[in-house]
Amino acid sequence: MAQRVRRIIDYANRTVRLTDERLLHILEHSEMAGQERRIREVLQKPDFVFTSHKDSSVHVYYRHYSRSPVGSKHLMVAVKILEQDAFVITAFFTDEVKGGEQIWPKK
């Protein structure tokens, strides 16, 4: 069966891929069921974007939701940014905003 690929234009006008394989990984977190629209929203309208502490080519997008399946939390979406590609690695709800350098909004 062919894999479906969703293409999302992020806040920086970059095309980000979300594959079925990555979505299945994300759905291993039961609270992420039905959150695909919010993943898109985080990429398009994040509150903050940071580089990852471990890998500067990974950008970590956050958007706060006062109501989520697990209460008031940030939805974090991690995206690997390559020269000719960008794709979602994972996404989950979290209490903390963590990351390396803040890249958006610019301080």
PDB file of N, CA and C in Angstrom:
ATOM      1  N   MET A   1       0.842  -1.184   0.000  1.00  0.00           N
ATOM      2  CA  MET A   1       0.000   0.000   0.000  1.00  0.00           C
ATOM      3  C   MET A   1       0.888   1.249   0.000  1.00  0.00           C
ATOM      4  N   ALA A   2       0.514   2.207  -0.804  1.00  0.00           N
ATOM      5  CA  ALA A   2       1.298   3.438  -0.914  1.00  0.00           C
ATOM      6  C   ALA A   2       1.183   4.268   0.359  1.00  0.00           C
ATOM      7  N   GLN A   3       2.292   4.853   0.726  1.00  0.00           N
ATOM      8  CA  GLN A   3       2.324   5.731   1.887  1.00  0.00           C
ATOM      9  C   GLN A   3       1.780   7.101   1.499  1.00  0.00           C
ATOM     10  N   ARG A   4       0.955   7.653   2.362  1.00  0.00           N
ATOM     11  CA  ARG A   4       0.429   9.003   2.151  1.00  0.00           C
ATOM     12  C   ARG A   4       1.414  10.007   2.743  1.00  0.00           C
ATOM     13  N   VAL A   5       1.617  11.096   2.057  1.00  0.00           N
ATOM     14  CA  VAL A   5       2.486  12.166   2.545  1.00  0.00           C
ATOM     15  C   VAL A   5       1.670  13.451   2.572  1.00  0.00           C
ATOM     16  N   ARG A   6       1.578  14.065   3.755  1.00  0.00           N
ATOM     17  CA  ARG A   6       0.927  15.358   3.883  1.00  0.00           C
ATOM     18  C   ARG A   6       2.004  16.424   3.754  1.00  0.00           C
ATOM     19  N   ARG A   7       1.724  17.468   3.021  1.00  0.00           N
ATOM     20  CA  ARG A   7       2.669  18.578   2.874  1.00  0.00           C
ATOM     21  C   ARG A   7       2.039  19.801   3.529  1.00  0.00           C
ATOM     22  N   ILE A   8       2.787  20.381   4.452  1.00  0.00           N
ATOM     23  CA  ILE A   8       2.300  21.514   5.238  1.00  0.00           C
ATOM     24  C   ILE A   8       3.271  22.673   5.020  1.00  0.00           C
ATOM     25  N   ILE A   9       2.747  23.846   4.719  1.00  0.00           N
ATOM     26  CA  ILE A   9       3.586  25.045   4.594  1.00  0.00           C
ATOM     27  C   ILE A   9       3.703  25.653   5.986  1.00  0.00           C
ATOM     28  N   ASP A  10       4.942  25.757   6.496  1.00  0.00           N
ATOM     29  CA  ASP A  10       5.131  26.261   7.856  1.00  0.00           C
ATOM     30  C   ASP A  10       5.199  27.788   7.893  1.00  0.00           C
ATOM     31  N   TYR A  11       5.444  28.327   9.084  1.00  0.00           N
ATOM     32  CA  TYR A  11       5.480  29.780   9.305  1.00  0.00           C
ATOM     33  C   TYR A  11       6.532  30.471   8.442  1.00  0.00           C
ATOM     34  N   ALA A  12       7.589  29.743   8.045  1.00  0.00           N
ATOM     35  CA  ALA A  12       8.681  30.323   7.253  1.00  0.00           C
ATOM     36  C   ALA A  12       8.505  30.048   5.760  1.00  0.00           C
ATOM     37  N   ASN A  13       7.282  29.624   5.364  1.00  0.00           N
ATOM     38  CA  ASN A  13       6.966  29.321   3.971  1.00  0.00           C
ATOM     39  C   ASN A  13       7.774  28.139   3.434  1.00  0.00           C
ATOM     40  N   ARG A  14       8.110  27.222   4.324  1.00  0.00           N
ATOM     41  CA  ARG A  14       8.872  26.021   3.984  1.00  0.00           C
ATOM     42  C   ARG A  14       7.884  24.843   3.928  1.00  0.00           C
ATOM     43  N   THR A  15       8.017  23.966   2.958  1.00  0.00           N
ATOM     44  CA  THR A  15       7.175  22.773   2.870  1.00  0.00           C
ATOM     45  C   THR A  15       7.722  21.702   3.803  1.00  0.00           C
ATOM     46  N   VAL A  16       6.865  21.240   4.720  1.00  0.00           N
ATOM     47  CA  VAL A  16       7.238  20.214   5.700  1.00  0.00           C
ATOM     48  C   VAL A  16       6.401  18.977   5.398  1.00  0.00           C
ATOM     49  N   ARG A  17       7.061  17.824   5.300  1.00  0.00           N
ATOM     50  CA  ARG A  17       6.365  16.569   5.041  1.00  0.00           C
ATOM     51  C   ARG A  17       5.974  15.887   6.355  1.00  0.00           C
ATOM     52  N   LEU A  18       4.785  15.305   6.365  1.00  0.00           N
ATOM     53  CA  LEU A  18       4.347  14.435   7.451  1.00  0.00           C
ATOM     54  C   LEU A  18       3.900  13.141   6.800  1.00  0.00           C
ATOM     55  N   THR A  19       4.688  12.076   6.986  1.00  0.00           N
ATOM     56  CA  THR A  19       4.391  10.785   6.356  1.00  0.00           C
ATOM     57  C   THR A  19       3.487   9.940   7.242  1.00  0.00           C
ATOM     58  N   ASP A  20       2.861   8.945   6.632  1.00  0.00           N
ATOM     59  CA  ASP A  20       2.060   7.991   7.404  1.00  0.00           C
ATOM     60  C   ASP A  20       2.908   7.318   8.479  1.00  0.00           C
ATOM     61  N   GLU A  21       4.142   6.982   8.141  1.00  0.00           N
ATOM     62  CA  GLU A  21       5.025   6.294   9.095  1.00  0.00           C
ATOM     63  C   GLU A  21       5.260   7.172  10.321  1.00  0.00           C
ATOM     64  N   ARG A  22       5.522   8.450  10.122  1.00  0.00           N
ATOM     65  CA  ARG A  22       5.756   9.353  11.255  1.00  0.00           C
ATOM     66  C   ARG A  22       4.461   9.589  12.030  1.00  0.00           C
ATOM     67  N   LEU A  23       3.326   9.686  11.322  1.00  0.00           N
ATOM     68  CA  LEU A  23       2.051   9.867  12.010  1.00  0.00           C
ATOM     69  C   LEU A  23       1.735   8.654  12.881  1.00  0.00           C
ATOM     70  N   LEU A  24       2.016   7.455  12.389  1.00  0.00           N
ATOM     71  CA  LEU A  24       1.814   6.251  13.216  1.00  0.00           C
ATOM     72  C   LEU A  24       2.688   6.293  14.460  1.00  0.00           C
ATOM     73  N   HIS A  25       3.921   6.759  14.299  1.00  0.00           N
ATOM     74  CA  HIS A  25       4.813   6.924  15.461  1.00  0.00           C
ATOM     75  C   HIS A  25       4.210   7.907  16.465  1.00  0.00           C
ATOM     76  N   ILE A  26       3.738   9.031  15.966  1.00  0.00           N
ATOM     77  CA  ILE A  26       3.130  10.057  16.836  1.00  0.00           C
ATOM     78  C   ILE A  26       1.914   9.478  17.554  1.00  0.00           C
ATOM     79  N   LEU A  27       1.128   8.676  16.861  1.00  0.00           N
ATOM     80  CA  LEU A  27      -0.092   8.110  17.443  1.00  0.00           C
ATOM     81  C   LEU A  27       0.182   7.026  18.485  1.00  0.00           C
ATOM     82  N   GLU A  28       1.444   6.649  18.670  1.00  0.00           N
ATOM     83  CA  GLU A  28       1.801   5.763  19.777  1.00  0.00           C
ATOM     84  C   GLU A  28       1.515   6.458  21.108  1.00  0.00           C
ATOM     85  N   HIS A  29       1.478   7.793  21.098  1.00  0.00           N
ATOM     86  CA  HIS A  29       1.034   8.575  22.256  1.00  0.00           C
ATOM     87  C   HIS A  29      -0.482   8.683  22.116  1.00  0.00           C
ATOM     88  N   SER A  30      -1.232   7.965  22.933  1.00  0.00           N
ATOM     89  CA  SER A  30      -2.687   7.878  22.761  1.00  0.00           C
ATOM     90  C   SER A  30      -3.364   9.248  22.765  1.00  0.00           C
ATOM     91  N   GLU A  31      -2.808  10.211  23.503  1.00  0.00           N
ATOM     92  CA  GLU A  31      -3.417  11.545  23.554  1.00  0.00           C
ATOM     93  C   GLU A  31      -3.290  12.299  22.227  1.00  0.00           C
ATOM     94  N   MET A  32      -2.488  11.777  21.297  1.00  0.00           N
ATOM     95  CA  MET A  32      -2.297  12.445  20.011  1.00  0.00           C
ATOM     96  C   MET A  32      -3.352  12.043  18.972  1.00  0.00           C
ATOM     97  N   ALA A  33      -4.213  11.086  19.305  1.00  0.00           N
ATOM     98  CA  ALA A  33      -5.283  10.691  18.380  1.00  0.00           C
ATOM     99  C   ALA A  33      -6.158  11.911  18.079  1.00  0.00           C
ATOM    100  N   GLY A  34      -6.413  12.150  16.808  1.00  0.00           N
ATOM    101  CA  GLY A  34      -7.255  13.270  16.404  1.00  0.00           C
ATOM    102  C   GLY A  34      -6.580  14.629  16.448  1.00  0.00           C
ATOM    103  N   GLN A  35      -5.256  14.672  16.571  1.00  0.00           N
ATOM    104  CA  GLN A  35      -4.542  15.948  16.714  1.00  0.00           C
ATOM    105  C   GLN A  35      -3.829  16.396  15.440  1.00  0.00           C
ATOM    106  N   GLU A  36      -4.110  15.770  14.307  1.00  0.00           N
ATOM    107  CA  GLU A  36      -3.418  16.122  13.066  1.00  0.00           C
ATOM    108  C   GLU A  36      -3.634  17.594  12.685  1.00  0.00           C
ATOM    109  N   ARG A  37      -4.856  18.096  12.879  1.00  0.00           N
ATOM    110  CA  ARG A  37      -5.130  19.511  12.585  1.00  0.00           C
ATOM    111  C   ARG A  37      -4.255  20.421  13.443  1.00  0.00           C
ATOM    112  N   ARG A  38      -4.070  20.054  14.708  1.00  0.00           N
ATOM    113  CA  ARG A  38      -3.240  20.874  15.594  1.00  0.00           C
ATOM    114  C   ARG A  38      -1.762  20.797  15.213  1.00  0.00           C
ATOM    115  N   ILE A  39      -1.303  19.661  14.741  1.00  0.00           N
ATOM    116  CA  ILE A  39       0.084  19.558  14.268  1.00  0.00           C
ATOM    117  C   ILE A  39       0.292  20.565  13.142  1.00  0.00           C
ATOM    118  N   ARG A  40      -0.648  20.600  12.214  1.00  0.00           N
ATOM    119  CA  ARG A  40      -0.588  21.566  11.109  1.00  0.00           C
ATOM    120  C   ARG A  40      -0.564  22.998  11.655  1.00  0.00           C
ATOM    121  N   GLU A  41      -1.418  23.275  12.636  1.00  0.00           N
ATOM    122  CA  GLU A  41      -1.513  24.616  13.219  1.00  0.00           C
ATOM    123  C   GLU A  41      -0.207  25.016  13.907  1.00  0.00           C
ATOM    124  N   VAL A  42       0.418  24.097  14.616  1.00  0.00           N
ATOM    125  CA  VAL A  42       1.694  24.393  15.286  1.00  0.00           C
ATOM    126  C   VAL A  42       2.751  24.771  14.257  1.00  0.00           C
ATOM    127  N   LEU A  43       2.797  24.046  13.145  1.00  0.00           N
ATOM    128  CA  LEU A  43       3.782  24.352  12.108  1.00  0.00           C
ATOM    129  C   LEU A  43       3.510  25.703  11.451  1.00  0.00           C
ATOM    130  N   GLN A  44       2.243  26.028  11.256  1.00  0.00           N
ATOM    131  CA  GLN A  44       1.891  27.267  10.571  1.00  0.00           C
ATOM    132  C   GLN A  44       1.916  28.488  11.478  1.00  0.00           C
ATOM    133  N   LYS A  45       1.534  28.312  12.746  1.00  0.00           N
ATOM    134  CA  LYS A  45       1.413  29.440  13.673  1.00  0.00           C
ATOM    135  C   LYS A  45       2.014  29.094  15.035  1.00  0.00           C
ATOM    136  N   PRO A  46       3.300  28.821  15.095  1.00  0.00           N
ATOM    137  CA  PRO A  46       3.899  28.466  16.385  1.00  0.00           C
ATOM    138  C   PRO A  46       3.995  29.672  17.312  1.00  0.00           C
ATOM    139  N   ASP A  47       4.016  29.387  18.617  1.00  0.00           N
ATOM    140  CA  ASP A  47       4.320  30.440  19.588  1.00  0.00           C
ATOM    141  C   ASP A  47       5.827  30.689  19.611  1.00  0.00           C
ATOM    142  N   PHE A  48       6.592  29.590  19.525  1.00  0.00           N
ATOM    143  CA  PHE A  48       8.057  29.643  19.574  1.00  0.00           C
ATOM    144  C   PHE A  48       8.620  28.546  18.685  1.00  0.00           C
ATOM    145  N   VAL A  49       9.834  28.790  18.154  1.00  0.00           N
ATOM    146  CA  VAL A  49      10.594  27.752  17.459  1.00  0.00           C
ATOM    147  C   VAL A  49      12.032  27.858  17.947  1.00  0.00           C
ATOM    148  N   PHE A  50      12.588  26.712  18.317  1.00  0.00           N
ATOM    149  CA  PHE A  50      13.965  26.619  18.799  1.00  0.00           C
ATOM    150  C   PHE A  50      14.718  25.598  17.957  1.00  0.00           C
ATOM    151  N   THR A  51      16.055  25.686  17.983  1.00  0.00           N
ATOM    152  CA  THR A  51      16.851  24.576  17.472  1.00  0.00           C
ATOM    153  C   THR A  51      16.944  23.558  18.608  1.00  0.00           C
ATOM    154  N   SER A  52      17.174  22.318  18.238  1.00  0.00           N
ATOM    155  CA  SER A  52      17.358  21.268  19.235  1.00  0.00           C
ATOM    156  C   SER A  52      18.739  21.409  19.876  1.00  0.00           C
ATOM    157  N   HIS A  53      18.835  21.083  21.177  1.00  0.00           N
ATOM    158  CA  HIS A  53      20.140  21.065  21.856  1.00  0.00           C
ATOM    159  C   HIS A  53      21.069  20.044  21.211  1.00  0.00           C
ATOM    160  N   LYS A  54      20.496  18.913  20.776  1.00  0.00           N
ATOM    161  CA  LYS A  54      21.299  17.792  20.283  1.00  0.00           C
ATOM    162  C   LYS A  54      21.657  17.894  18.809  1.00  0.00           C
ATOM    163  N   ASP A  55      20.797  18.561  18.012  1.00  0.00           N
ATOM    164  CA  ASP A  55      20.992  18.599  16.565  1.00  0.00           C
ATOM    165  C   ASP A  55      20.411  19.912  16.034  1.00  0.00           C
ATOM    166  N   SER A  56      21.265  20.825  15.630  1.00  0.00           N
ATOM    167  CA  SER A  56      20.794  22.151  15.204  1.00  0.00           C
ATOM    168  C   SER A  56      19.965  22.100  13.923  1.00  0.00           C
ATOM    169  N   SER A  57      19.979  20.966  13.199  1.00  0.00           N
ATOM    170  CA  SER A  57      19.143  20.854  12.009  1.00  0.00           C
ATOM    171  C   SER A  57      17.714  20.425  12.362  1.00  0.00           C
ATOM    172  N   VAL A  58      17.468  20.154  13.641  1.00  0.00           N
ATOM    173  CA  VAL A  58      16.118  19.853  14.102  1.00  0.00           C
ATOM    174  C   VAL A  58      15.539  21.113  14.724  1.00  0.00           C
ATOM    175  N   HIS A  59      14.403  21.548  14.197  1.00  0.00           N
ATOM    176  CA  HIS A  59      13.705  22.712  14.736  1.00  0.00           C
ATOM    177  C   HIS A  59      12.530  22.210  15.554  1.00  0.00           C
ATOM    178  N   VAL A  60      12.353  22.795  16.734  1.00  0.00           N
ATOM    179  CA  VAL A  60      11.323  22.371  17.671  1.00  0.00           C
ATOM    180  C   VAL A  60      10.282  23.486  17.761  1.00  0.00           C
ATOM    181  N   TYR A  61       9.091  23.195  17.263  1.00  0.00           N
ATOM    182  CA  TYR A  61       7.987  24.156  17.205  1.00  0.00           C
ATOM    183  C   TYR A  61       7.080  23.918  18.410  1.00  0.00           C
ATOM    184  N   TYR A  62       6.598  25.006  19.031  1.00  0.00           N
ATOM    185  CA  TYR A  62       5.683  24.900  20.173  1.00  0.00           C
ATOM    186  C   TYR A  62       4.479  25.817  19.980  1.00  0.00           C
ATOM    187  N   ARG A  63       3.341  25.334  20.422  1.00  0.00           N
ATOM    188  CA  ARG A  63       2.136  26.163  20.513  1.00  0.00           C
ATOM    189  C   ARG A  63       1.372  25.698  21.747  1.00  0.00           C
ATOM    190  N   HIS A  64       0.925  26.654  22.550  1.00  0.00           N
ATOM    191  CA  HIS A  64       0.207  26.322  23.781  1.00  0.00           C
ATOM    192  C   HIS A  64      -1.280  26.154  23.504  1.00  0.00           C
ATOM    193  N   TYR A  65      -1.847  25.131  24.131  1.00  0.00           N
ATOM    194  CA  TYR A  65      -3.293  24.882  24.081  1.00  0.00           C
ATOM    195  C   TYR A  65      -3.797  24.793  25.509  1.00  0.00           C
ATOM    196  N   SER A  66      -4.735  25.666  25.860  1.00  0.00           N
ATOM    197  CA  SER A  66      -5.293  25.623  27.215  1.00  0.00           C
ATOM    198  C   SER A  66      -6.155  24.383  27.401  1.00  0.00           C
ATOM    199  N   ARG A  67      -6.679  23.860  26.298  1.00  0.00           N
ATOM    200  CA  ARG A  67      -7.464  22.624  26.347  1.00  0.00           C
ATOM    201  C   ARG A  67      -6.856  21.610  25.386  1.00  0.00           C
ATOM    202  N   SER A  68      -6.431  20.511  25.927  1.00  0.00           N
ATOM    203  CA  SER A  68      -5.920  19.399  25.127  1.00  0.00           C
ATOM    204  C   SER A  68      -6.406  18.120  25.800  1.00  0.00           C
ATOM    205  N   PRO A  69      -6.173  16.968  25.192  1.00  0.00           N
ATOM    206  CA  PRO A  69      -6.585  15.722  25.841  1.00  0.00           C
ATOM    207  C   PRO A  69      -5.914  15.495  27.196  1.00  0.00           C
ATOM    208  N   VAL A  70      -4.842  16.232  27.471  1.00  0.00           N
ATOM    209  CA  VAL A  70      -4.105  16.070  28.731  1.00  0.00           C
ATOM    210  C   VAL A  70      -4.022  17.388  29.510  1.00  0.00           C
ATOM    211  N   GLY A  71      -4.984  18.284  29.300  1.00  0.00           N
ATOM    212  CA  GLY A  71      -5.022  19.542  30.040  1.00  0.00           C
ATOM    213  C   GLY A  71      -4.292  20.657  29.312  1.00  0.00           C
ATOM    214  N   SER A  72      -3.923  21.680  30.069  1.00  0.00           N
ATOM    215  CA  SER A  72      -3.237  22.838  29.522  1.00  0.00           C
ATOM    216  C   SER A  72      -1.775  22.473  29.255  1.00  0.00           C
ATOM    217  N   LYS A  73      -1.404  22.376  27.967  1.00  0.00           N
ATOM    218  CA  LYS A  73      -0.060  21.922  27.578  1.00  0.00           C
ATOM    219  C   LYS A  73       0.390  22.625  26.304  1.00  0.00           C
ATOM    220  N   HIS A  74       1.679  22.489  26.040  1.00  0.00           N
ATOM    221  CA  HIS A  74       2.253  22.904  24.761  1.00  0.00           C
ATOM    222  C   HIS A  74       2.258  21.677  23.857  1.00  0.00           C
ATOM    223  N   LEU A  75       1.916  21.884  22.590  1.00  0.00           N
ATOM    224  CA  LEU A  75       2.113  20.830  21.604  1.00  0.00           C
ATOM    225  C   LEU A  75       3.459  21.097  20.952  1.00  0.00           C
ATOM    226  N   MET A  76       4.358  20.131  21.035  1.00  0.00           N
ATOM    227  CA  MET A  76       5.695  20.230  20.460  1.00  0.00           C
ATOM    228  C   MET A  76       5.731  19.398  19.191  1.00  0.00           C
ATOM    229  N   VAL A  77       6.246  19.985  18.114  1.00  0.00           N
ATOM    230  CA  VAL A  77       6.440  19.273  16.856  1.00  0.00           C
ATOM    231  C   VAL A  77       7.902  19.454  16.466  1.00  0.00           C
ATOM    232  N   ALA A  78       8.631  18.340  16.327  1.00  0.00           N
ATOM    233  CA  ALA A  78      10.044  18.377  15.939  1.00  0.00           C
ATOM    234  C   ALA A  78      10.149  18.112  14.443  1.00  0.00           C
ATOM    235  N   VAL A  79      10.911  18.970  13.745  1.00  0.00           N
ATOM    236  CA  VAL A  79      11.052  18.897  12.294  1.00  0.00           C
ATOM    237  C   VAL A  79      12.532  18.875  11.937  1.00  0.00           C
ATOM    238  N   LYS A  80      12.945  17.904  11.141  1.00  0.00           N
ATOM    239  CA  LYS A  80      14.311  17.848  10.622  1.00  0.00           C
ATOM    240  C   LYS A  80      14.359  18.728   9.382  1.00  0.00           C
ATOM    241  N   ILE A  81      15.259  19.708   9.385  1.00  0.00           N
ATOM    242  CA  ILE A  81      15.396  20.663   8.285  1.00  0.00           C
ATOM    243  C   ILE A  81      16.691  20.344   7.539  1.00  0.00           C
ATOM    244  N   LEU A  82      16.543  19.892   6.301  1.00  0.00           N
ATOM    245  CA  LEU A  82      17.688  19.626   5.440  1.00  0.00           C
ATOM    246  C   LEU A  82      17.705  20.664   4.319  1.00  0.00           C
ATOM    247  N   GLU A  83      18.769  20.681   3.535  1.00  0.00           N
ATOM    248  CA  GLU A  83      18.889  21.692   2.490  1.00  0.00           C
ATOM    249  C   GLU A  83      17.723  21.638   1.496  1.00  0.00           C
ATOM    250  N   GLN A  84      17.316  20.442   1.104  1.00  0.00           N
ATOM    251  CA  GLN A  84      16.257  20.296   0.107  1.00  0.00           C
ATOM    252  C   GLN A  84      15.006  19.589   0.639  1.00  0.00           C
ATOM    253  N   ASP A  85      14.885  19.449   1.963  1.00  0.00           N
ATOM    254  CA  ASP A  85      13.777  18.696   2.532  1.00  0.00           C
ATOM    255  C   ASP A  85      13.533  19.133   3.973  1.00  0.00           C
ATOM    256  N   ALA A  86      12.318  18.937   4.429  1.00  0.00           N
ATOM    257  CA  ALA A  86      11.961  19.161   5.838  1.00  0.00           C
ATOM    258  C   ALA A  86      10.844  18.178   6.155  1.00  0.00           C
ATOM    259  N   PHE A  87      10.965  17.475   7.288  1.00  0.00           N
ATOM    260  CA  PHE A  87       9.949  16.481   7.620  1.00  0.00           C
ATOM    261  C   PHE A  87       9.764  16.389   9.129  1.00  0.00           C
ATOM    262  N   VAL A  88       8.523  16.070   9.529  1.00  0.00           N
ATOM    263  CA  VAL A  88       8.182  15.903  10.938  1.00  0.00           C
ATOM    264  C   VAL A  88       8.836  14.630  11.453  1.00  0.00           C
ATOM    265  N   ILE A  89       9.483  14.746  12.609  1.00  0.00           N
ATOM    266  CA  ILE A  89      10.072  13.591  13.282  1.00  0.00           C
ATOM    267  C   ILE A  89       9.088  13.038  14.302  1.00  0.00           C
ATOM    268  N   THR A  90       8.563  13.923  15.145  1.00  0.00           N
ATOM    269  CA  THR A  90       7.634  13.505  16.191  1.00  0.00           C
ATOM    270  C   THR A  90       6.819  14.699  16.664  1.00  0.00           C
ATOM    271  N   ALA A  91       5.815  14.412  17.473  1.00  0.00           N
ATOM    272  CA  ALA A  91       4.989  15.463  18.079  1.00  0.00           C
ATOM    273  C   ALA A  91       4.345  14.889  19.332  1.00  0.00           C
ATOM    274  N   PHE A  92       4.247  15.733  20.368  1.00  0.00           N
ATOM    275  CA  PHE A  92       3.580  15.307  21.603  1.00  0.00           C
ATOM    276  C   PHE A  92       3.292  16.528  22.458  1.00  0.00           C
ATOM    277  N   PHE A  93       2.402  16.348  23.436  1.00  0.00           N
ATOM    278  CA  PHE A  93       2.088  17.406  24.394  1.00  0.00           C
ATOM    279  C   PHE A  93       3.124  17.390  25.512  1.00  0.00           C
ATOM    280  N   THR A  94       3.479  18.590  25.997  1.00  0.00           N
ATOM    281  CA  THR A  94       4.492  18.705  27.048  1.00  0.00           C
ATOM    282  C   THR A  94       4.201  19.916  27.928  1.00  0.00           C
ATOM    283  N   ASP A  95       4.711  19.863  29.155  1.00  0.00           N
ATOM    284  CA  ASP A  95       4.609  20.995  30.075  1.00  0.00           C
ATOM    285  C   ASP A  95       5.676  22.047  29.785  1.00  0.00           C
ATOM    286  N   GLU A  96       6.834  21.585  29.310  1.00  0.00           N
ATOM    287  CA  GLU A  96       8.000  22.461  29.194  1.00  0.00           C
ATOM    288  C   GLU A  96       8.318  22.849  27.760  1.00  0.00           C
ATOM    289  N   VAL A  97       8.783  24.080  27.600  1.00  0.00           N
ATOM    290  CA  VAL A  97       9.344  24.546  26.334  1.00  0.00           C
ATOM    291  C   VAL A  97      10.854  24.441  26.492  1.00  0.00           C
ATOM    292  N   LYS A  98      11.456  23.572  25.682  1.00  0.00           N
ATOM    293  CA  LYS A  98      12.905  23.363  25.758  1.00  0.00           C
ATOM    294  C   LYS A  98      13.496  23.522  24.373  1.00  0.00           C
ATOM    295  N   GLY A  99      14.745  23.866  24.334  1.00  0.00           N
ATOM    296  CA  GLY A  99      15.431  23.956  23.056  1.00  0.00           C
ATOM    297  C   GLY A  99      16.714  24.731  23.194  1.00  0.00           C
ATOM    298  N   GLY A 100      17.420  24.796  22.116  1.00  0.00           N
ATOM    299  CA  GLY A 100      18.664  25.548  22.071  1.00  0.00           C
ATOM    300  C   GLY A 100      18.369  27.006  21.781  1.00  0.00           C
ATOM    301  N   GLU A 101      18.850  27.456  20.646  1.00  0.00           N
ATOM    302  CA  GLU A 101      18.660  28.849  20.252  1.00  0.00           C
ATOM    303  C   GLU A 101      17.232  29.091  19.770  1.00  0.00           C
ATOM    304  N   GLN A 102      16.623  30.165  20.248  1.00  0.00           N
ATOM    305  CA  GLN A 102      15.283  30.535  19.766  1.00  0.00           C
ATOM    306  C   GLN A 102      15.449  31.167  18.401  1.00  0.00           C
ATOM    307  N   ILE A 103      14.770  30.599  17.398  1.00  0.00           N
ATOM    308  CA  ILE A 103      14.897  31.125  16.036  1.00  0.00           C
ATOM    309  C   ILE A 103      13.642  31.837  15.563  1.00  0.00           C
ATOM    310  N   TRP A 104      12.535  31.672  16.306  1.00  0.00           N
ATOM    311  CA  TRP A 104      11.303  32.406  15.986  1.00  0.00           C
ATOM    312  C   TRP A 104      10.432  32.482  17.217  1.00  0.00           C
ATOM    313  N   PRO A 105       9.781  33.585  17.547  1.00  0.00           N
ATOM    314  CA  PRO A 105      10.087  34.868  16.911  1.00  0.00           C
ATOM    315  C   PRO A 105      11.495  35.315  17.291  1.00  0.00           C
ATOM    316  N   LYS A 106      12.080  36.095  16.446  1.00  0.00           N
ATOM    317  CA  LYS A 106      13.437  36.605  16.720  1.00  0.00           C
ATOM    318  C   LYS A 106      13.395  37.469  17.960  1.00  0.00           C
ATOM    319  N   LYS A 107      14.380  37.295  18.822  1.00  0.00           N
ATOM    320  CA  LYS A 107      14.451  38.108  20.042  1.00  0.00           C
ATOM    321  C   LYS A 107      15.018  39.470  19.733  1.00  0.00           C
TER     322      LYS A 107
END
